[in-house]
Amino acid sequence: MIAAPAFHKNLFENDLVRYLEVIIRPGDFVPVHTHRWPSVIYVRSTSDFIRRDGEGRVMFDSRKAGAPPKTPAVEWVGPLPPHSIENVGTSEVHLLTVELKDGKI
């Protein structure tokens, strides 16, 4: 929330969970940040994107991963180390994310 507040909106938070809305528009670059907790992500819309590590090396390029998931979709994602995201596609990435603070369901 501190490193990329323009892209992450805190909708709800307590001692157990944090519920975020994430919007990354075409051409947007989300600066380096982390996700220290695992999360369940509801994907409302997606786009081609590149995830880079804290040193700028490509960790994931969606254009090389095959067809994107049909939306809406639900995904489980573990904690993420320092990374940036660049929306290199033509549509908006729109996610609703529930981060599990104790790491358990």
PDB file of N, CA and C in Angstrom:
ATOM      1  N   MET A   1       0.828  -1.195   0.000  1.00  0.00           N
ATOM      2  CA  MET A   1       0.000   0.000   0.000  1.00  0.00           C
ATOM      3  C   MET A   1       0.871   1.257   0.000  1.00  0.00           C
ATOM      4  N   ILE A   2       2.046   1.160   0.585  1.00  0.00           N
ATOM      5  CA  ILE A   2       2.926   2.326   0.655  1.00  0.00           C
ATOM      6  C   ILE A   2       3.638   2.546  -0.675  1.00  0.00           C
ATOM      7  N   ALA A   3       4.105   1.460  -1.311  1.00  0.00           N
ATOM      8  CA  ALA A   3       4.910   1.575  -2.525  1.00  0.00           C
ATOM      9  C   ALA A   3       4.086   1.864  -3.778  1.00  0.00           C
ATOM     10  N   ALA A   4       2.838   1.419  -3.807  1.00  0.00           N
ATOM     11  CA  ALA A   4       2.030   1.577  -5.031  1.00  0.00           C
ATOM     12  C   ALA A   4       0.581   1.947  -4.716  1.00  0.00           C
ATOM     13  N   PRO A   5       0.354   3.020  -3.953  1.00  0.00           N
ATOM     14  CA  PRO A   5      -1.006   3.360  -3.548  1.00  0.00           C
ATOM     15  C   PRO A   5      -1.917   3.785  -4.695  1.00  0.00           C
ATOM     16  N   ALA A   6      -1.358   4.231  -5.799  1.00  0.00           N
ATOM     17  CA  ALA A   6      -2.191   4.653  -6.926  1.00  0.00           C
ATOM     18  C   ALA A   6      -2.878   3.474  -7.603  1.00  0.00           C
ATOM     19  N   PHE A   7      -2.414   2.262  -7.319  1.00  0.00           N
ATOM     20  CA  PHE A   7      -2.940   1.075  -7.992  1.00  0.00           C
ATOM     21  C   PHE A   7      -3.655   0.112  -7.050  1.00  0.00           C
ATOM     22  N   HIS A   8      -3.453   0.258  -5.747  1.00  0.00           N
ATOM     23  CA  HIS A   8      -4.050  -0.626  -4.746  1.00  0.00           C
ATOM     24  C   HIS A   8      -4.948   0.194  -3.825  1.00  0.00           C
ATOM     25  N   LYS A   9      -6.231  -0.131  -3.800  1.00  0.00           N
ATOM     26  CA  LYS A   9      -7.172   0.556  -2.908  1.00  0.00           C
ATOM     27  C   LYS A   9      -7.573  -0.424  -1.806  1.00  0.00           C
ATOM     28  N   ASN A  10      -7.368  -0.017  -0.569  1.00  0.00           N
ATOM     29  CA  ASN A  10      -7.723  -0.847   0.576  1.00  0.00           C
ATOM     30  C   ASN A  10      -9.228  -0.712   0.832  1.00  0.00           C
ATOM     31  N   LEU A  11      -9.970  -1.795   0.598  1.00  0.00           N
ATOM     32  CA  LEU A  11     -11.423  -1.777   0.792  1.00  0.00           C
ATOM     33  C   LEU A  11     -11.829  -2.198   2.193  1.00  0.00           C
ATOM     34  N   PHE A  12     -10.985  -3.054   2.820  1.00  0.00           N
ATOM     35  CA  PHE A  12     -11.284  -3.550   4.163  1.00  0.00           C
ATOM     36  C   PHE A  12     -10.021  -4.160   4.736  1.00  0.00           C
ATOM     37  N   GLU A  13      -9.819  -3.989   6.054  1.00  0.00           N
ATOM     38  CA  GLU A  13      -8.675  -4.628   6.699  1.00  0.00           C
ATOM     39  C   GLU A  13      -8.980  -4.854   8.165  1.00  0.00           C
ATOM     40  N   ASN A  14      -8.562  -6.025   8.642  1.00  0.00           N
ATOM     41  CA  ASN A  14      -8.591  -6.305  10.075  1.00  0.00           C
ATOM     42  C   ASN A  14      -7.345  -7.124  10.406  1.00  0.00           C
ATOM     43  N   ASP A  15      -7.313  -7.777  11.550  1.00  0.00           N
ATOM     44  CA  ASP A  15      -6.126  -8.539  11.962  1.00  0.00           C
ATOM     45  C   ASP A  15      -5.912  -9.801  11.132  1.00  0.00           C
ATOM     46  N   LEU A  16      -6.937 -10.267  10.416  1.00  0.00           N
ATOM     47  CA  LEU A  16      -6.844 -11.522   9.686  1.00  0.00           C
ATOM     48  C   LEU A  16      -6.677 -11.374   8.177  1.00  0.00           C
ATOM     49  N   VAL A  17      -7.335 -10.357   7.605  1.00  0.00           N
ATOM     50  CA  VAL A  17      -7.334 -10.211   6.145  1.00  0.00           C
ATOM     51  C   VAL A  17      -7.181  -8.751   5.733  1.00  0.00           C
ATOM     52  N   ARG A  18      -6.759  -8.593   4.497  1.00  0.00           N
ATOM     53  CA  ARG A  18      -6.801  -7.281   3.854  1.00  0.00           C
ATOM     54  C   ARG A  18      -7.443  -7.502   2.484  1.00  0.00           C
ATOM     55  N   TYR A  19      -8.435  -6.676   2.161  1.00  0.00           N
ATOM     56  CA  TYR A  19      -9.198  -6.795   0.922  1.00  0.00           C
ATOM     57  C   TYR A  19      -8.859  -5.594   0.052  1.00  0.00           C
ATOM     58  N   LEU A  20      -8.246  -5.862  -1.108  1.00  0.00           N
ATOM     59  CA  LEU A  20      -7.768  -4.799  -1.989  1.00  0.00           C
ATOM     60  C   LEU A  20      -8.465  -4.825  -3.333  1.00  0.00           C
ATOM     61  N   GLU A  21      -8.632  -3.659  -3.916  1.00  0.00           N
ATOM     62  CA  GLU A  21      -9.003  -3.545  -5.314  1.00  0.00           C
ATOM     63  C   GLU A  21      -7.759  -3.048  -6.041  1.00  0.00           C
ATOM     64  N   VAL A  22      -7.403  -3.741  -7.118  1.00  0.00           N
ATOM     65  CA  VAL A  22      -6.223  -3.396  -7.901  1.00  0.00           C
ATOM     66  C   VAL A  22      -6.676  -3.069  -9.322  1.00  0.00           C
ATOM     67  N   ILE A  23      -6.297  -1.890  -9.798  1.00  0.00           N
ATOM     68  CA  ILE A  23      -6.602  -1.488 -11.173  1.00  0.00           C
ATOM     69  C   ILE A  23      -5.308  -0.993 -11.818  1.00  0.00           C
ATOM     70  N   ILE A  24      -4.955  -1.649 -12.943  1.00  0.00           N
ATOM     71  CA  ILE A  24      -3.761  -1.276 -13.704  1.00  0.00           C
ATOM     72  C   ILE A  24      -4.209  -1.058 -15.140  1.00  0.00           C
ATOM     73  N   ARG A  25      -4.203   0.182 -15.567  1.00  0.00           N
ATOM     74  CA  ARG A  25      -4.682   0.540 -16.906  1.00  0.00           C
ATOM     75  C   ARG A  25      -3.596   0.290 -17.959  1.00  0.00           C
ATOM     76  N   PRO A  26      -3.986   0.176 -19.224  1.00  0.00           N
ATOM     77  CA  PRO A  26      -2.996  -0.015 -20.289  1.00  0.00           C
ATOM     78  C   PRO A  26      -1.908   1.061 -20.226  1.00  0.00           C
ATOM     79  N   GLY A  27      -0.665   0.613 -20.309  1.00  0.00           N
ATOM     80  CA  GLY A  27       0.462   1.537 -20.256  1.00  0.00           C
ATOM     81  C   GLY A  27       0.950   1.862 -18.866  1.00  0.00           C
ATOM     82  N   ASP A  28       0.186   1.497 -17.827  1.00  0.00           N
ATOM     83  CA  ASP A  28       0.595   1.793 -16.453  1.00  0.00           C
ATOM     84  C   ASP A  28       1.786   0.939 -16.037  1.00  0.00           C
ATOM     85  N   PHE A  29       2.635   1.516 -15.198  1.00  0.00           N
ATOM     86  CA  PHE A  29       3.765   0.822 -14.597  1.00  0.00           C
ATOM     87  C   PHE A  29       3.618   0.933 -13.092  1.00  0.00           C
ATOM     88  N   VAL A  30       3.477  -0.206 -12.415  1.00  0.00           N
ATOM     89  CA  VAL A  30       3.346  -0.249 -10.960  1.00  0.00           C
ATOM     90  C   VAL A  30       4.745  -0.430 -10.386  1.00  0.00           C
ATOM     91  N   PRO A  31       5.220   0.507  -9.554  1.00  0.00           N
ATOM     92  CA  PRO A  31       6.585   0.410  -9.044  1.00  0.00           C
ATOM     93  C   PRO A  31       6.796  -0.811  -8.152  1.00  0.00           C
ATOM     94  N   VAL A  32       8.054  -1.074  -7.872  1.00  0.00           N
ATOM     95  CA  VAL A  32       8.433  -2.246  -7.071  1.00  0.00           C
ATOM     96  C   VAL A  32       7.727  -2.222  -5.725  1.00  0.00           C
ATOM     97  N   HIS A  33       7.124  -3.360  -5.397  1.00  0.00           N
ATOM     98  CA  HIS A  33       6.421  -3.550  -4.129  1.00  0.00           C
ATOM     99  C   HIS A  33       6.394  -5.052  -3.830  1.00  0.00           C
ATOM    100  N   THR A  34       5.895  -5.442  -2.686  1.00  0.00           N
ATOM    101  CA  THR A  34       5.780  -6.859  -2.321  1.00  0.00           C
ATOM    102  C   THR A  34       4.339  -7.176  -1.917  1.00  0.00           C
ATOM    103  N   HIS A  35       4.063  -8.465  -1.868  1.00  0.00           N
ATOM    104  CA  HIS A  35       2.837  -8.980  -1.256  1.00  0.00           C
ATOM    105  C   HIS A  35       3.305 -10.034  -0.269  1.00  0.00           C
ATOM    106  N   ARG A  36       3.297  -9.695   0.988  1.00  0.00           N
ATOM    107  CA  ARG A  36       3.906 -10.578   1.984  1.00  0.00           C
ATOM    108  C   ARG A  36       3.008 -11.721   2.428  1.00  0.00           C
ATOM    109  N   TRP A  37       1.738 -11.660   2.073  1.00  0.00           N
ATOM    110  CA  TRP A  37       0.800 -12.702   2.460  1.00  0.00           C
ATOM    111  C   TRP A  37       0.242 -13.413   1.228  1.00  0.00           C
ATOM    112  N   PRO A  38      -0.144 -14.673   1.366  1.00  0.00           N
ATOM    113  CA  PRO A  38      -0.839 -15.348   0.263  1.00  0.00           C
ATOM    114  C   PRO A  38      -2.213 -14.720   0.077  1.00  0.00           C
ATOM    115  N   SER A  39      -2.783 -14.931  -1.116  1.00  0.00           N
ATOM    116  CA  SER A  39      -4.060 -14.286  -1.381  1.00  0.00           C
ATOM    117  C   SER A  39      -4.915 -15.098  -2.341  1.00  0.00           C
ATOM    118  N   VAL A  40      -6.206 -14.819  -2.262  1.00  0.00           N
ATOM    119  CA  VAL A  40      -7.179 -15.294  -3.236  1.00  0.00           C
ATOM    120  C   VAL A  40      -7.524 -14.080  -4.086  1.00  0.00           C
ATOM    121  N   ILE A  41      -7.398 -14.243  -5.402  1.00  0.00           N
ATOM    122  CA  ILE A  41      -7.606 -13.118  -6.312  1.00  0.00           C
ATOM    123  C   ILE A  41      -8.784 -13.408  -7.228  1.00  0.00           C
ATOM    124  N   TYR A  42      -9.749 -12.508  -7.242  1.00  0.00           N
ATOM    125  CA  TYR A  42     -10.870 -12.553  -8.179  1.00  0.00           C
ATOM    126  C   TYR A  42     -10.486 -11.653  -9.342  1.00  0.00           C
ATOM    127  N   VAL A  43     -10.279 -12.251 -10.502  1.00  0.00           N
ATOM    128  CA  VAL A  43      -9.854 -11.517 -11.687  1.00  0.00           C
ATOM    129  C   VAL A  43     -11.090 -11.065 -12.449  1.00  0.00           C
ATOM    130  N   ARG A  44     -11.359  -9.775 -12.403  1.00  0.00           N
ATOM    131  CA  ARG A  44     -12.515  -9.225 -13.138  1.00  0.00           C
ATOM    132  C   ARG A  44     -12.172  -9.010 -14.596  1.00  0.00           C
ATOM    133  N   SER A  45     -10.954  -8.523 -14.859  1.00  0.00           N
ATOM    134  CA  SER A  45     -10.480  -8.358 -16.239  1.00  0.00           C
ATOM    135  C   SER A  45      -8.961  -8.439 -16.218  1.00  0.00           C
ATOM    136  N   THR A  46      -8.397  -8.812 -17.354  1.00  0.00           N
ATOM    137  CA  THR A  46      -6.955  -8.973 -17.433  1.00  0.00           C
ATOM    138  C   THR A  46      -6.431  -8.389 -18.736  1.00  0.00           C
ATOM    139  N   SER A  47      -5.126  -8.360 -18.844  1.00  0.00           N
ATOM    140  CA  SER A  47      -4.445  -7.809 -19.999  1.00  0.00           C
ATOM    141  C   SER A  47      -3.065  -8.441 -20.059  1.00  0.00           C
ATOM    142  N   ASP A  48      -2.339  -8.194 -21.109  1.00  0.00           N
ATOM    143  CA  ASP A  48      -0.946  -8.631 -21.143  1.00  0.00           C
ATOM    144  C   ASP A  48      -0.144  -7.777 -20.175  1.00  0.00           C
ATOM    145  N   PHE A  49       0.733  -8.437 -19.403  1.00  0.00           N
ATOM    146  CA  PHE A  49       1.546  -7.712 -18.433  1.00  0.00           C
ATOM    147  C   PHE A  49       2.894  -8.387 -18.275  1.00  0.00           C
ATOM    148  N   ILE A  50       3.839  -7.607 -17.773  1.00  0.00           N
ATOM    149  CA  ILE A  50       5.169  -8.115 -17.449  1.00  0.00           C
ATOM    150  C   ILE A  50       5.413  -7.864 -15.973  1.00  0.00           C
ATOM    151  N   ARG A  51       5.826  -8.929 -15.258  1.00  0.00           N
ATOM    152  CA  ARG A  51       6.221  -8.796 -13.853  1.00  0.00           C
ATOM    153  C   ARG A  51       7.739  -8.908 -13.806  1.00  0.00           C
ATOM    154  N   ARG A  52       8.377  -7.905 -13.207  1.00  0.00           N
ATOM    155  CA  ARG A  52       9.831  -7.905 -13.064  1.00  0.00           C
ATOM    156  C   ARG A  52      10.198  -7.969 -11.589  1.00  0.00           C
ATOM    157  N   ASP A  53      11.342  -8.570 -11.290  1.00  0.00           N
ATOM    158  CA  ASP A  53      11.787  -8.624  -9.901  1.00  0.00           C
ATOM    159  C   ASP A  53      12.329  -7.260  -9.479  1.00  0.00           C
ATOM    160  N   GLY A  54      12.779  -7.170  -8.259  1.00  0.00           N
ATOM    161  CA  GLY A  54      13.263  -5.905  -7.724  1.00  0.00           C
ATOM    162  C   GLY A  54      14.473  -5.344  -8.444  1.00  0.00           C
ATOM    163  N   GLU A  55      15.165  -6.192  -9.221  1.00  0.00           N
ATOM    164  CA  GLU A  55      16.333  -5.767  -9.987  1.00  0.00           C
ATOM    165  C   GLU A  55      15.994  -5.476 -11.444  1.00  0.00           C
ATOM    166  N   GLY A  56      14.723  -5.626 -11.824  1.00  0.00           N
ATOM    167  CA  GLY A  56      14.298  -5.335 -13.184  1.00  0.00           C
ATOM    168  C   GLY A  56      14.313  -6.517 -14.135  1.00  0.00           C
ATOM    169  N   ARG A  57      14.659  -7.716 -13.637  1.00  0.00           N
ATOM    170  CA  ARG A  57      14.673  -8.912 -14.476  1.00  0.00           C
ATOM    171  C   ARG A  57      13.262  -9.461 -14.631  1.00  0.00           C
ATOM    172  N   VAL A  58      12.921  -9.908 -15.830  1.00  0.00           N
ATOM    173  CA  VAL A  58      11.582 -10.434 -16.101  1.00  0.00           C
ATOM    174  C   VAL A  58      11.359 -11.718 -15.315  1.00  0.00           C
ATOM    175  N   MET A  59      10.304 -11.740 -14.502  1.00  0.00           N
ATOM    176  CA  MET A  59       9.877 -12.926 -13.763  1.00  0.00           C
ATOM    177  C   MET A  59       8.776 -13.662 -14.529  1.00  0.00           C
ATOM    178  N   PHE A  60       7.912 -12.877 -15.184  1.00  0.00           N
ATOM    179  CA  PHE A  60       6.754 -13.436 -15.886  1.00  0.00           C
ATOM    180  C   PHE A  60       6.319 -12.468 -16.968  1.00  0.00           C
ATOM    181  N   ASP A  61       6.079 -13.019 -18.150  1.00  0.00           N
ATOM    182  CA  ASP A  61       5.547 -12.235 -19.267  1.00  0.00           C
ATOM    183  C   ASP A  61       4.310 -12.976 -19.752  1.00  0.00           C
ATOM    184  N   SER A  62       3.141 -12.400 -19.541  1.00  0.00           N
ATOM    185  CA  SER A  62       1.883 -13.092 -19.867  1.00  0.00           C
ATOM    186  C   SER A  62       1.774 -13.420 -21.348  1.00  0.00           C
ATOM    187  N   ARG A  63       2.465 -12.675 -22.193  1.00  0.00           N
ATOM    188  CA  ARG A  63       2.405 -12.924 -23.634  1.00  0.00           C
ATOM    189  C   ARG A  63       3.065 -14.241 -24.008  1.00  0.00           C
ATOM    190  N   LYS A  64       3.891 -14.775 -23.113  1.00  0.00           N
ATOM    191  CA  LYS A  64       4.582 -16.049 -23.356  1.00  0.00           C
ATOM    192  C   LYS A  64       3.936 -17.201 -22.592  1.00  0.00           C
ATOM    193  N   ALA A  65       2.861 -16.930 -21.885  1.00  0.00           N
ATOM    194  CA  ALA A  65       2.236 -17.928 -21.016  1.00  0.00           C
ATOM    195  C   ALA A  65       1.021 -18.605 -21.636  1.00  0.00           C
ATOM    196  N   GLY A  66       0.728 -18.327 -22.878  1.00  0.00           N
ATOM    197  CA  GLY A  66      -0.453 -18.908 -23.502  1.00  0.00           C
ATOM    198  C   GLY A  66      -1.668 -18.027 -23.303  1.00  0.00           C
ATOM    199  N   ALA A  67      -2.807 -18.606 -23.581  1.00  0.00           N
ATOM    200  CA  ALA A  67      -4.063 -17.854 -23.500  1.00  0.00           C
ATOM    201  C   ALA A  67      -4.338 -17.408 -22.065  1.00  0.00           C
ATOM    202  N   PRO A  68      -4.819 -16.172 -21.902  1.00  0.00           N
ATOM    203  CA  PRO A  68      -5.157 -15.705 -20.553  1.00  0.00           C
ATOM    204  C   PRO A  68      -6.370 -16.454 -20.028  1.00  0.00           C
ATOM    205  N   PRO A  69      -6.551 -16.475 -18.710  1.00  0.00           N
ATOM    206  CA  PRO A  69      -7.733 -17.136 -18.161  1.00  0.00           C
ATOM    207  C   PRO A  69      -8.999 -16.411 -18.596  1.00  0.00           C
ATOM    208  N   LYS A  70     -10.059 -17.172 -18.774  1.00  0.00           N
ATOM    209  CA  LYS A  70     -11.357 -16.540 -19.053  1.00  0.00           C
ATOM    210  C   LYS A  70     -11.785 -15.802 -17.794  1.00  0.00           C
ATOM    211  N   THR A  71     -12.335 -14.632 -17.975  1.00  0.00           N
ATOM    212  CA  THR A  71     -12.761 -13.858 -16.816  1.00  0.00           C
ATOM    213  C   THR A  71     -14.282 -13.839 -16.745  1.00  0.00           C
ATOM    214  N   PRO A  72     -14.794 -13.796 -15.527  1.00  0.00           N
ATOM    215  CA  PRO A  72     -14.049 -13.722 -14.276  1.00  0.00           C
ATOM    216  C   PRO A  72     -13.392 -15.059 -13.938  1.00  0.00           C
ATOM    217  N   ALA A  73     -12.346 -14.976 -13.126  1.00  0.00           N
ATOM    218  CA  ALA A  73     -11.610 -16.158 -12.685  1.00  0.00           C
ATOM    219  C   ALA A  73     -11.192 -15.939 -11.240  1.00  0.00           C
ATOM    220  N   VAL A  74     -10.883 -17.037 -10.566  1.00  0.00           N
ATOM    221  CA  VAL A  74     -10.381 -16.975  -9.196  1.00  0.00           C
ATOM    222  C   VAL A  74      -9.053 -17.719  -9.160  1.00  0.00           C
ATOM    223  N   GLU A  75      -8.051 -17.108  -8.542  1.00  0.00           N
ATOM    224  CA  GLU A  75      -6.711 -17.696  -8.481  1.00  0.00           C
ATOM    225  C   GLU A  75      -6.163 -17.626  -7.064  1.00  0.00           C
ATOM    226  N   TRP A  76      -5.320 -18.597  -6.740  1.00  0.00           N
ATOM    227  CA  TRP A  76      -4.566 -18.592  -5.486  1.00  0.00           C
ATOM    228  C   TRP A  76      -3.153 -18.141  -5.817  1.00  0.00           C
ATOM    229  N   VAL A  77      -2.624 -17.191  -5.063  1.00  0.00           N
ATOM    230  CA  VAL A  77      -1.269 -16.696  -5.278  1.00  0.00           C
ATOM    231  C   VAL A  77      -0.560 -16.656  -3.930  1.00  0.00           C
ATOM    232  N   GLY A  78       0.614 -17.234  -3.873  1.00  0.00           N
ATOM    233  CA  GLY A  78       1.412 -17.171  -2.659  1.00  0.00           C
ATOM    234  C   GLY A  78       2.013 -15.794  -2.479  1.00  0.00           C
ATOM    235  N   PRO A  79       2.740 -15.580  -1.399  1.00  0.00           N
ATOM    236  CA  PRO A  79       3.414 -14.298  -1.198  1.00  0.00           C
ATOM    237  C   PRO A  79       4.336 -14.012  -2.384  1.00  0.00           C
ATOM    238  N   LEU A  80       4.485 -12.745  -2.719  1.00  0.00           N
ATOM    239  CA  LEU A  80       5.340 -12.354  -3.842  1.00  0.00           C
ATOM    240  C   LEU A  80       6.498 -11.493  -3.341  1.00  0.00           C
ATOM    241  N   PRO A  81       7.715 -11.808  -3.786  1.00  0.00           N
ATOM    242  CA  PRO A  81       8.872 -10.984  -3.423  1.00  0.00           C
ATOM    243  C   PRO A  81       8.797  -9.639  -4.143  1.00  0.00           C
ATOM    244  N   PRO A  82       9.768  -8.768  -3.917  1.00  0.00           N
ATOM    245  CA  PRO A  82       9.741  -7.470  -4.601  1.00  0.00           C
ATOM    246  C   PRO A  82       9.583  -7.639  -6.117  1.00  0.00           C
ATOM    247  N   HIS A  83       8.641  -6.873  -6.665  1.00  0.00           N
ATOM    248  CA  HIS A  83       8.349  -6.956  -8.095  1.00  0.00           C
ATOM    249  C   HIS A  83       7.663  -5.673  -8.553  1.00  0.00           C
ATOM    250  N   SER A  84       7.709  -5.457  -9.860  1.00  0.00           N
ATOM    251  CA  SER A  84       6.938  -4.389 -10.499  1.00  0.00           C
ATOM    252  C   SER A  84       6.037  -5.047 -11.530  1.00  0.00           C
ATOM    253  N   ILE A  85       5.025  -4.316 -11.960  1.00  0.00           N
ATOM    254  CA  ILE A  85       4.097  -4.799 -12.987  1.00  0.00           C
ATOM    255  C   ILE A  85       3.955  -3.704 -14.036  1.00  0.00           C
ATOM    256  N   GLU A  86       4.012  -4.121 -15.298  1.00  0.00           N
ATOM    257  CA  GLU A  86       3.766  -3.191 -16.394  1.00  0.00           C
ATOM    258  C   GLU A  86       2.650  -3.763 -17.261  1.00  0.00           C
ATOM    259  N   ASN A  87       1.582  -3.015 -17.436  1.00  0.00           N
ATOM    260  CA  ASN A  87       0.487  -3.432 -18.316  1.00  0.00           C
ATOM    261  C   ASN A  87       0.896  -3.075 -19.740  1.00  0.00           C
ATOM    262  N   VAL A  88       1.244  -4.096 -20.519  1.00  0.00           N
ATOM    263  CA  VAL A  88       1.692  -3.883 -21.907  1.00  0.00           C
ATOM    264  C   VAL A  88       0.587  -4.220 -22.896  1.00  0.00           C
ATOM    265  N   GLY A  89      -0.613  -4.457 -22.386  1.00  0.00           N
ATOM    266  CA  GLY A  89      -1.746  -4.799 -23.235  1.00  0.00           C
ATOM    267  C   GLY A  89      -2.636  -3.617 -23.532  1.00  0.00           C
ATOM    268  N   THR A  90      -3.825  -3.931 -24.022  1.00  0.00           N
ATOM    269  CA  THR A  90      -4.763  -2.884 -24.443  1.00  0.00           C
ATOM    270  C   THR A  90      -5.991  -2.788 -23.552  1.00  0.00           C
ATOM    271  N   SER A  91      -6.044  -3.596 -22.503  1.00  0.00           N
ATOM    272  CA  SER A  91      -7.192  -3.546 -21.600  1.00  0.00           C
ATOM    273  C   SER A  91      -6.725  -3.391 -20.155  1.00  0.00           C
ATOM    274  N   GLU A  92      -7.675  -3.152 -19.288  1.00  0.00           N
ATOM    275  CA  GLU A  92      -7.413  -2.916 -17.871  1.00  0.00           C
ATOM    276  C   GLU A  92      -7.246  -4.230 -17.118  1.00  0.00           C
ATOM    277  N   VAL A  93      -6.296  -4.275 -16.206  1.00  0.00           N
ATOM    278  CA  VAL A  93      -6.209  -5.359 -15.226  1.00  0.00           C
ATOM    279  C   VAL A  93      -7.023  -4.885 -14.025  1.00  0.00           C
ATOM    280  N   HIS A  94      -8.026  -5.675 -13.640  1.00  0.00           N
ATOM    281  CA  HIS A  94      -8.884  -5.301 -12.513  1.00  0.00           C
ATOM    282  C   HIS A  94      -9.025  -6.528 -11.626  1.00  0.00           C
ATOM    283  N   LEU A  95      -8.500  -6.429 -10.414  1.00  0.00           N
ATOM    284  CA  LEU A  95      -8.467  -7.545  -9.481  1.00  0.00           C
ATOM    285  C   LEU A  95      -9.103  -7.158  -8.154  1.00  0.00           C
ATOM    286  N   LEU A  96      -9.742  -8.112  -7.519  1.00  0.00           N
ATOM    287  CA  LEU A  96     -10.176  -7.991  -6.129  1.00  0.00           C
ATOM    288  C   LEU A  96      -9.403  -9.065  -5.370  1.00  0.00           C
ATOM    289  N   THR A  97      -8.620  -8.640  -4.385  1.00  0.00           N
ATOM    290  CA  THR A  97      -7.662  -9.519  -3.729  1.00  0.00           C
ATOM    291  C   THR A  97      -7.932  -9.580  -2.238  1.00  0.00           C
ATOM    292  N   VAL A  98      -8.022 -10.802  -1.718  1.00  0.00           N
ATOM    293  CA  VAL A  98      -8.123 -11.006  -0.275  1.00  0.00           C
ATOM    294  C   VAL A  98      -6.799 -11.597   0.181  1.00  0.00           C
ATOM    295  N   GLU A  99      -6.023 -10.810   0.918  1.00  0.00           N
ATOM    296  CA  GLU A  99      -4.749 -11.272   1.462  1.00  0.00           C
ATOM    297  C   GLU A  99      -4.994 -11.867   2.841  1.00  0.00           C
ATOM    298  N   LEU A 100      -4.455 -13.067   3.053  1.00  0.00           N
ATOM    299  CA  LEU A 100      -4.643 -13.792   4.298  1.00  0.00           C
ATOM    300  C   LEU A 100      -3.429 -13.552   5.207  1.00  0.00           C
ATOM    301  N   LYS A 101      -3.597 -12.731   6.205  1.00  0.00           N
ATOM    302  CA  LYS A 101      -2.475 -12.268   7.004  1.00  0.00           C
ATOM    303  C   LYS A 101      -1.780 -13.359   7.796  1.00  0.00           C
ATOM    304  N   ASP A 102      -2.495 -14.379   8.218  1.00  0.00           N
ATOM    305  CA  ASP A 102      -1.804 -15.446   8.948  1.00  0.00           C
ATOM    306  C   ASP A 102      -1.340 -16.562   8.015  1.00  0.00           C
ATOM    307  N   GLY A 103      -1.582 -16.388   6.718  1.00  0.00           N
ATOM    308  CA  GLY A 103      -1.117 -17.340   5.721  1.00  0.00           C
ATOM    309  C   GLY A 103      -1.944 -18.600   5.599  1.00  0.00           C
ATOM    310  N   LYS A 104      -3.071 -18.683   6.290  1.00  0.00           N
ATOM    311  CA  LYS A 104      -3.900 -19.879   6.289  1.00  0.00           C
ATOM    312  C   LYS A 104      -5.325 -19.533   5.864  1.00  0.00           C
ATOM    313  N   ILE A 105      -5.991 -20.521   5.330  1.00  0.00           N
ATOM    314  CA  ILE A 105      -7.391 -20.344   4.972  1.00  0.00           C
ATOM    315  C   ILE A 105      -8.242 -20.593   6.189  1.00  0.00           C
TER     316      ILE A 105
END
